[in-house]
N, C-alpha and C. Protein backbone atom coordinates (compact mmCIF):
# COMPACT_ATOMS: atom_id res chain seq x y z
N UNK A 1 -77.52 91.97 58.08
CA UNK A 1 -76.15 91.72 57.67
C UNK A 1 -76.08 91.76 56.15
N UNK A 2 -75.02 92.30 55.65
CA UNK A 2 -74.84 92.44 54.21
C UNK A 2 -74.36 91.13 53.60
N UNK A 3 -74.80 90.88 52.37
CA UNK A 3 -74.31 89.72 51.63
C UNK A 3 -73.01 90.04 50.89
N UNK A 4 -72.59 91.30 50.94
CA UNK A 4 -71.37 91.72 50.25
C UNK A 4 -70.17 91.42 51.14
N UNK A 5 -69.24 90.66 50.59
CA UNK A 5 -68.03 90.31 51.34
C UNK A 5 -67.02 91.45 51.28
N UNK A 6 -66.28 91.61 52.36
CA UNK A 6 -65.17 92.56 52.35
C UNK A 6 -64.04 91.96 51.51
N UNK A 7 -63.27 92.81 50.85
CA UNK A 7 -62.16 92.28 50.06
C UNK A 7 -61.13 91.62 50.97
N UNK A 8 -60.55 90.54 50.49
CA UNK A 8 -59.53 89.82 51.25
C UNK A 8 -58.16 90.10 50.66
N UNK A 9 -57.13 90.07 51.50
CA UNK A 9 -55.77 90.23 50.98
C UNK A 9 -55.40 89.08 50.04
N UNK A 10 -54.45 89.33 49.18
CA UNK A 10 -53.92 88.33 48.27
C UNK A 10 -52.41 88.26 48.49
N UNK A 11 -51.96 87.44 49.46
CA UNK A 11 -50.52 87.37 49.74
C UNK A 11 -49.73 86.95 48.50
N UNK A 12 -48.55 87.51 48.42
CA UNK A 12 -47.61 87.18 47.35
C UNK A 12 -46.29 86.80 48.02
N UNK A 13 -45.32 86.31 47.27
CA UNK A 13 -44.01 86.03 47.88
C UNK A 13 -43.43 87.27 48.59
N UNK A 14 -43.73 88.46 48.08
CA UNK A 14 -43.25 89.69 48.70
C UNK A 14 -43.89 89.92 50.06
N UNK A 15 -45.20 89.65 50.19
CA UNK A 15 -45.93 90.00 51.41
C UNK A 15 -46.18 88.83 52.37
N UNK A 16 -45.90 87.60 51.95
CA UNK A 16 -46.23 86.43 52.77
C UNK A 16 -45.64 86.50 54.18
N UNK A 17 -44.37 86.91 54.37
CA UNK A 17 -43.85 86.99 55.74
C UNK A 17 -44.65 87.97 56.63
N UNK A 18 -45.14 89.06 56.05
CA UNK A 18 -45.99 89.99 56.79
C UNK A 18 -47.25 89.27 57.27
N UNK A 19 -47.93 88.57 56.37
CA UNK A 19 -49.18 87.88 56.72
C UNK A 19 -48.93 86.73 57.69
N UNK A 20 -47.80 86.05 57.56
CA UNK A 20 -47.45 85.00 58.53
C UNK A 20 -47.28 85.60 59.92
N UNK A 21 -46.63 86.75 60.02
CA UNK A 21 -46.48 87.43 61.30
C UNK A 21 -47.82 87.85 61.87
N UNK A 22 -48.68 88.42 61.02
CA UNK A 22 -50.01 88.84 61.48
C UNK A 22 -50.79 87.66 62.04
N UNK A 23 -50.70 86.50 61.39
CA UNK A 23 -51.39 85.30 61.87
C UNK A 23 -50.88 84.88 63.24
N UNK A 24 -49.64 85.25 63.56
CA UNK A 24 -49.04 84.94 64.86
C UNK A 24 -49.20 86.09 65.86
N UNK A 25 -49.91 87.16 65.46
CA UNK A 25 -50.13 88.30 66.34
C UNK A 25 -48.95 89.24 66.44
N UNK A 26 -48.14 89.29 65.37
CA UNK A 26 -46.91 90.10 65.37
C UNK A 26 -46.89 90.99 64.13
N UNK A 27 -46.50 92.25 64.31
CA UNK A 27 -46.26 93.12 63.16
C UNK A 27 -44.84 92.84 62.68
N UNK A 28 -44.74 92.23 61.51
CA UNK A 28 -43.45 91.85 60.92
C UNK A 28 -43.18 92.80 59.75
N UNK A 29 -42.02 93.47 59.80
CA UNK A 29 -41.67 94.44 58.77
C UNK A 29 -40.35 94.06 58.12
N UNK A 30 -40.13 94.61 56.94
CA UNK A 30 -38.88 94.36 56.23
C UNK A 30 -37.75 95.19 56.82
N UNK A 31 -36.55 94.62 56.77
CA UNK A 31 -35.34 95.34 57.13
C UNK A 31 -34.32 95.13 56.02
N UNK A 32 -33.75 96.21 55.53
CA UNK A 32 -32.75 96.11 54.47
C UNK A 32 -31.53 95.40 55.03
N UNK A 33 -31.09 94.35 54.34
CA UNK A 33 -29.93 93.59 54.78
C UNK A 33 -28.63 94.35 54.52
N UNK A 34 -28.68 95.35 53.65
CA UNK A 34 -27.47 96.11 53.33
C UNK A 34 -27.26 97.29 54.28
N UNK A 35 -28.31 98.10 54.51
CA UNK A 35 -28.13 99.31 55.33
C UNK A 35 -28.87 99.26 56.66
N UNK A 36 -29.76 98.28 56.84
CA UNK A 36 -30.47 98.12 58.11
C UNK A 36 -31.76 98.91 58.24
N UNK A 37 -32.13 99.71 57.25
CA UNK A 37 -33.34 100.51 57.34
C UNK A 37 -34.58 99.62 57.34
N UNK A 38 -35.51 99.94 58.24
CA UNK A 38 -36.79 99.23 58.29
C UNK A 38 -37.75 99.87 57.30
N UNK A 39 -38.65 99.04 56.76
CA UNK A 39 -39.66 99.58 55.86
C UNK A 39 -40.96 98.78 55.99
N UNK A 40 -42.05 99.53 55.84
CA UNK A 40 -43.38 98.95 55.88
C UNK A 40 -44.25 99.89 55.07
N UNK A 41 -44.91 99.45 54.16
CA UNK A 41 -45.34 98.15 53.69
C UNK A 41 -44.23 97.51 52.84
N UNK A 42 -44.33 96.17 52.66
CA UNK A 42 -43.27 95.47 51.93
C UNK A 42 -43.05 96.02 50.52
N UNK A 43 -41.77 96.14 50.18
CA UNK A 43 -41.36 96.59 48.85
C UNK A 43 -40.14 95.78 48.43
N UNK A 44 -39.90 95.73 47.15
CA UNK A 44 -38.75 94.98 46.64
C UNK A 44 -37.43 95.71 46.86
N UNK A 45 -37.46 97.02 46.86
CA UNK A 45 -36.24 97.82 46.82
C UNK A 45 -36.16 98.73 48.04
N UNK A 46 -34.99 98.80 48.66
CA UNK A 46 -34.77 99.72 49.78
C UNK A 46 -34.75 101.15 49.24
N UNK A 47 -35.54 102.04 49.83
CA UNK A 47 -35.56 103.42 49.34
C UNK A 47 -34.37 104.23 49.83
N UNK A 48 -33.57 103.67 50.74
CA UNK A 48 -32.39 104.37 51.24
C UNK A 48 -31.14 104.04 50.43
N UNK A 49 -30.90 102.75 50.17
CA UNK A 49 -29.65 102.35 49.50
C UNK A 49 -29.88 101.59 48.19
N UNK A 50 -31.14 101.31 47.87
CA UNK A 50 -31.55 100.64 46.63
C UNK A 50 -31.16 99.17 46.55
N UNK A 51 -30.89 98.58 47.70
CA UNK A 51 -30.58 97.16 47.74
C UNK A 51 -31.86 96.34 47.61
N UNK A 52 -31.72 95.16 47.01
CA UNK A 52 -32.82 94.21 46.92
C UNK A 52 -32.76 93.18 48.05
N UNK A 53 -31.71 93.20 48.86
CA UNK A 53 -31.52 92.22 49.93
C UNK A 53 -32.36 92.61 51.14
N UNK A 54 -33.15 91.66 51.62
CA UNK A 54 -34.09 91.98 52.70
C UNK A 54 -34.11 90.87 53.74
N UNK A 55 -34.32 91.26 54.98
CA UNK A 55 -34.64 90.34 56.07
C UNK A 55 -35.94 90.84 56.68
N UNK A 56 -36.44 90.13 57.68
CA UNK A 56 -37.69 90.51 58.32
C UNK A 56 -37.47 90.67 59.81
N UNK A 57 -38.13 91.65 60.41
CA UNK A 57 -37.98 91.94 61.84
C UNK A 57 -39.37 92.03 62.47
N UNK A 58 -39.51 91.42 63.64
CA UNK A 58 -40.76 91.53 64.40
C UNK A 58 -40.71 92.79 65.25
N UNK A 59 -41.75 93.60 65.16
CA UNK A 59 -41.84 94.83 65.94
C UNK A 59 -42.37 94.53 67.34
N UNK A 60 -42.13 95.46 68.25
CA UNK A 60 -42.56 95.32 69.64
C UNK A 60 -44.08 95.36 69.78
N UNK A 61 -44.74 96.02 68.84
CA UNK A 61 -46.19 96.18 68.94
C UNK A 61 -46.61 97.45 69.64
N UNK A 62 -45.63 98.25 70.08
CA UNK A 62 -45.93 99.51 70.77
C UNK A 62 -45.61 100.70 69.87
N UNK A 63 -46.43 101.74 70.00
CA UNK A 63 -46.19 102.94 69.22
C UNK A 63 -47.06 104.08 69.72
N UNK A 64 -47.08 105.17 68.96
CA UNK A 64 -47.91 106.32 69.30
C UNK A 64 -48.69 106.75 68.05
N UNK A 65 -49.87 107.30 68.29
CA UNK A 65 -50.71 107.76 67.18
C UNK A 65 -50.03 108.95 66.51
N UNK A 66 -49.79 108.81 65.22
CA UNK A 66 -49.19 109.88 64.41
C UNK A 66 -50.30 110.72 63.75
N UNK A 67 -51.37 110.05 63.32
CA UNK A 67 -52.48 110.70 62.66
C UNK A 67 -53.71 109.79 62.78
N UNK A 68 -54.88 110.37 62.59
CA UNK A 68 -56.09 109.54 62.63
C UNK A 68 -57.20 110.21 61.83
N UNK A 69 -58.20 109.41 61.49
CA UNK A 69 -59.38 109.91 60.77
C UNK A 69 -60.57 109.00 61.05
N UNK A 70 -61.73 109.55 60.89
CA UNK A 70 -62.96 108.77 61.02
C UNK A 70 -63.55 108.61 59.62
N UNK A 71 -63.75 107.36 59.22
CA UNK A 71 -64.34 107.06 57.92
C UNK A 71 -65.86 107.13 58.04
N UNK A 72 -66.46 107.97 57.22
CA UNK A 72 -67.92 108.12 57.18
C UNK A 72 -68.51 107.58 55.88
N UNK A 73 -67.64 107.27 54.92
CA UNK A 73 -68.07 106.74 53.63
C UNK A 73 -67.29 105.46 53.36
N UNK A 74 -67.98 104.44 52.95
CA UNK A 74 -67.33 103.15 52.67
C UNK A 74 -66.59 103.22 51.34
N UNK A 75 -65.33 102.83 51.35
CA UNK A 75 -64.57 102.78 50.10
C UNK A 75 -64.87 101.50 49.32
N UNK A 76 -65.58 100.58 49.96
CA UNK A 76 -66.01 99.32 49.34
C UNK A 76 -67.35 98.97 50.00
N UNK A 77 -68.32 98.45 49.25
CA UNK A 77 -69.63 98.15 49.83
C UNK A 77 -69.58 97.22 51.04
N UNK A 78 -68.58 96.37 51.14
CA UNK A 78 -68.48 95.45 52.26
C UNK A 78 -68.22 96.12 53.60
N UNK A 79 -67.80 97.39 53.57
CA UNK A 79 -67.48 98.10 54.81
C UNK A 79 -68.62 99.03 55.25
N UNK A 80 -69.70 99.08 54.49
CA UNK A 80 -70.78 100.02 54.78
C UNK A 80 -71.36 99.82 56.18
N UNK A 81 -71.53 98.58 56.59
CA UNK A 81 -72.13 98.31 57.91
C UNK A 81 -71.19 98.67 59.06
N UNK A 82 -69.90 98.85 58.79
CA UNK A 82 -68.94 99.20 59.84
C UNK A 82 -68.92 100.69 60.15
N UNK A 83 -69.51 101.51 59.30
CA UNK A 83 -69.42 102.97 59.44
C UNK A 83 -70.14 103.47 60.67
N UNK A 84 -69.64 104.55 61.28
CA UNK A 84 -68.31 105.11 61.06
C UNK A 84 -67.27 104.28 61.82
N UNK A 85 -66.03 104.31 61.34
CA UNK A 85 -64.93 103.66 62.05
C UNK A 85 -63.70 104.55 61.99
N UNK A 86 -62.82 104.35 62.95
CA UNK A 86 -61.64 105.19 63.08
C UNK A 86 -60.40 104.44 62.63
N UNK A 87 -59.60 105.09 61.80
CA UNK A 87 -58.31 104.56 61.36
C UNK A 87 -57.20 105.41 61.96
N UNK A 88 -56.12 104.76 62.35
CA UNK A 88 -54.97 105.48 62.89
C UNK A 88 -53.71 105.10 62.11
N UNK A 89 -52.84 106.07 61.96
CA UNK A 89 -51.47 105.82 61.50
C UNK A 89 -50.62 105.88 62.75
N UNK A 90 -49.90 104.79 63.01
CA UNK A 90 -49.12 104.67 64.24
C UNK A 90 -47.64 104.65 63.92
N UNK A 91 -46.90 105.50 64.63
CA UNK A 91 -45.44 105.49 64.56
C UNK A 91 -44.99 104.42 65.56
N UNK A 92 -44.51 103.30 65.04
CA UNK A 92 -44.07 102.21 65.90
C UNK A 92 -42.76 102.59 66.58
N UNK A 93 -42.47 101.97 67.73
CA UNK A 93 -41.22 102.26 68.45
C UNK A 93 -40.00 102.10 67.54
N UNK A 94 -40.09 101.20 66.59
CA UNK A 94 -38.96 100.92 65.71
C UNK A 94 -38.79 101.98 64.61
N UNK A 95 -39.77 102.88 64.46
CA UNK A 95 -39.65 103.97 63.50
C UNK A 95 -40.49 103.85 62.25
N UNK A 96 -41.07 102.68 61.98
CA UNK A 96 -41.95 102.54 60.82
C UNK A 96 -43.36 102.95 61.21
N UNK A 97 -44.17 103.27 60.23
CA UNK A 97 -45.57 103.61 60.49
C UNK A 97 -46.46 102.51 59.96
N UNK A 98 -47.53 102.25 60.70
CA UNK A 98 -48.49 101.22 60.34
C UNK A 98 -49.90 101.80 60.42
N UNK A 99 -50.78 101.29 59.59
CA UNK A 99 -52.16 101.73 59.53
C UNK A 99 -53.06 100.63 60.06
N UNK A 100 -54.08 101.01 60.83
CA UNK A 100 -55.04 100.03 61.31
C UNK A 100 -56.23 100.71 61.94
N UNK A 101 -57.21 99.91 62.27
CA UNK A 101 -58.38 100.44 62.98
C UNK A 101 -58.01 100.77 64.41
N UNK A 102 -58.70 101.75 64.97
CA UNK A 102 -58.53 102.12 66.37
C UNK A 102 -59.70 101.54 67.13
N UNK A 103 -59.42 100.81 68.21
CA UNK A 103 -60.49 100.14 68.95
C UNK A 103 -60.76 100.77 70.31
N UNK A 104 -60.27 101.98 70.53
CA UNK A 104 -60.57 102.70 71.76
C UNK A 104 -61.69 103.69 71.55
N UNK A 105 -61.88 104.56 72.54
CA UNK A 105 -62.96 105.55 72.48
C UNK A 105 -62.64 106.69 71.51
N UNK A 106 -61.56 107.43 71.78
CA UNK A 106 -61.22 108.58 70.94
C UNK A 106 -59.70 108.71 70.87
N UNK A 107 -59.13 108.62 69.69
CA UNK A 107 -57.67 108.74 69.59
C UNK A 107 -57.24 110.20 69.72
N UNK A 108 -55.97 110.40 69.97
CA UNK A 108 -55.36 111.72 69.93
C UNK A 108 -53.92 111.55 69.47
N UNK A 109 -53.39 112.57 68.84
CA UNK A 109 -52.01 112.54 68.38
C UNK A 109 -51.10 112.35 69.60
N UNK A 110 -50.16 111.41 69.49
CA UNK A 110 -49.23 111.14 70.58
C UNK A 110 -49.71 110.09 71.57
N UNK A 111 -50.94 109.59 71.41
CA UNK A 111 -51.48 108.58 72.32
C UNK A 111 -50.67 107.29 72.22
N UNK A 112 -50.17 106.76 73.34
CA UNK A 112 -49.49 105.46 73.30
C UNK A 112 -50.51 104.35 73.00
N UNK A 113 -50.17 103.49 72.06
CA UNK A 113 -51.06 102.40 71.66
C UNK A 113 -50.28 101.10 71.55
N UNK A 114 -51.04 100.01 71.54
CA UNK A 114 -50.47 98.68 71.30
C UNK A 114 -51.26 98.03 70.17
N UNK A 115 -50.56 97.21 69.42
CA UNK A 115 -51.20 96.53 68.30
C UNK A 115 -51.88 95.25 68.77
N UNK A 116 -52.98 94.93 68.15
CA UNK A 116 -53.60 93.62 68.29
C UNK A 116 -54.16 93.30 66.91
N UNK A 117 -54.59 92.10 66.70
CA UNK A 117 -55.05 91.70 65.38
C UNK A 117 -56.48 91.20 65.45
N UNK A 118 -57.27 91.59 64.46
CA UNK A 118 -58.67 91.20 64.39
C UNK A 118 -58.87 90.29 63.19
N UNK A 119 -59.92 89.51 63.23
CA UNK A 119 -60.21 88.58 62.13
C UNK A 119 -60.82 89.35 60.97
N UNK A 120 -60.20 89.23 59.81
CA UNK A 120 -60.71 89.86 58.60
C UNK A 120 -61.29 88.82 57.67
N UNK A 121 -61.52 89.23 56.45
CA UNK A 121 -62.07 88.33 55.43
C UNK A 121 -61.19 87.12 55.22
N UNK A 122 -61.81 86.00 55.00
CA UNK A 122 -61.10 84.74 54.71
C UNK A 122 -60.13 84.35 55.81
N UNK A 123 -60.37 84.81 57.04
CA UNK A 123 -59.54 84.41 58.17
C UNK A 123 -58.23 85.15 58.31
N UNK A 124 -57.97 86.15 57.50
CA UNK A 124 -56.73 86.91 57.63
C UNK A 124 -56.76 87.77 58.89
N UNK A 125 -55.63 87.85 59.57
CA UNK A 125 -55.49 88.71 60.74
C UNK A 125 -55.11 90.11 60.27
N UNK A 126 -55.88 91.10 60.72
CA UNK A 126 -55.65 92.49 60.32
C UNK A 126 -55.25 93.33 61.52
N UNK A 127 -54.30 94.26 61.34
CA UNK A 127 -53.83 95.05 62.47
C UNK A 127 -54.88 96.04 62.95
N UNK A 128 -54.93 96.20 64.26
CA UNK A 128 -55.77 97.21 64.92
C UNK A 128 -54.97 97.72 66.11
N UNK A 129 -55.36 98.87 66.62
CA UNK A 129 -54.61 99.48 67.72
C UNK A 129 -55.56 99.90 68.83
N UNK A 130 -55.10 99.72 70.07
CA UNK A 130 -55.86 100.10 71.25
C UNK A 130 -54.96 100.94 72.15
N UNK A 131 -55.55 101.79 73.01
CA UNK A 131 -54.72 102.55 73.94
C UNK A 131 -53.88 101.62 74.80
N UNK A 132 -52.63 102.01 75.03
CA UNK A 132 -51.73 101.22 75.85
C UNK A 132 -52.16 101.28 77.31
N UNK A 133 -51.92 100.21 78.05
CA UNK A 133 -52.20 100.19 79.48
C UNK A 133 -51.46 101.35 80.14
N UNK A 134 -52.13 102.01 81.06
CA UNK A 134 -51.52 103.13 81.76
C UNK A 134 -51.82 104.48 81.14
N UNK A 135 -52.33 104.50 79.90
CA UNK A 135 -52.70 105.78 79.31
C UNK A 135 -54.10 106.14 79.81
N UNK A 136 -54.43 107.43 79.92
CA UNK A 136 -55.75 107.82 80.43
C UNK A 136 -56.90 107.23 79.63
N UNK A 137 -56.66 106.94 78.35
CA UNK A 137 -57.71 106.41 77.48
C UNK A 137 -57.91 104.91 77.63
N UNK A 138 -56.98 104.23 78.32
CA UNK A 138 -57.04 102.76 78.43
C UNK A 138 -58.15 102.33 79.36
């Protein structure tokens, strides 16, 4: 086992609702209070109408694989022992995209997936995705 710790998130007032949702097993995303557009990752300004007014919405946790890759090189020494691992970009039912590890055998574009959360550094819950029940990969 490596003595090198993985980097931990540093929640801020902007991102705290996201991390609170993750701790509860929910993908929580921003919703513009002016135009209703959802956005993820958290930002101060709506890219559609430029409003600073924001609310938060809990996503269903269901989506489909939009893209994926296998990491063969660690971007930080703390991840070296995890190699190789698969990352997926998931188009959530609500229309936002989320990034996380894939915990199934082999992803494919369009694969239905569900979100779950794994324990990360310092106890933070991190998003991961698995094939949805009923899919051939499940």
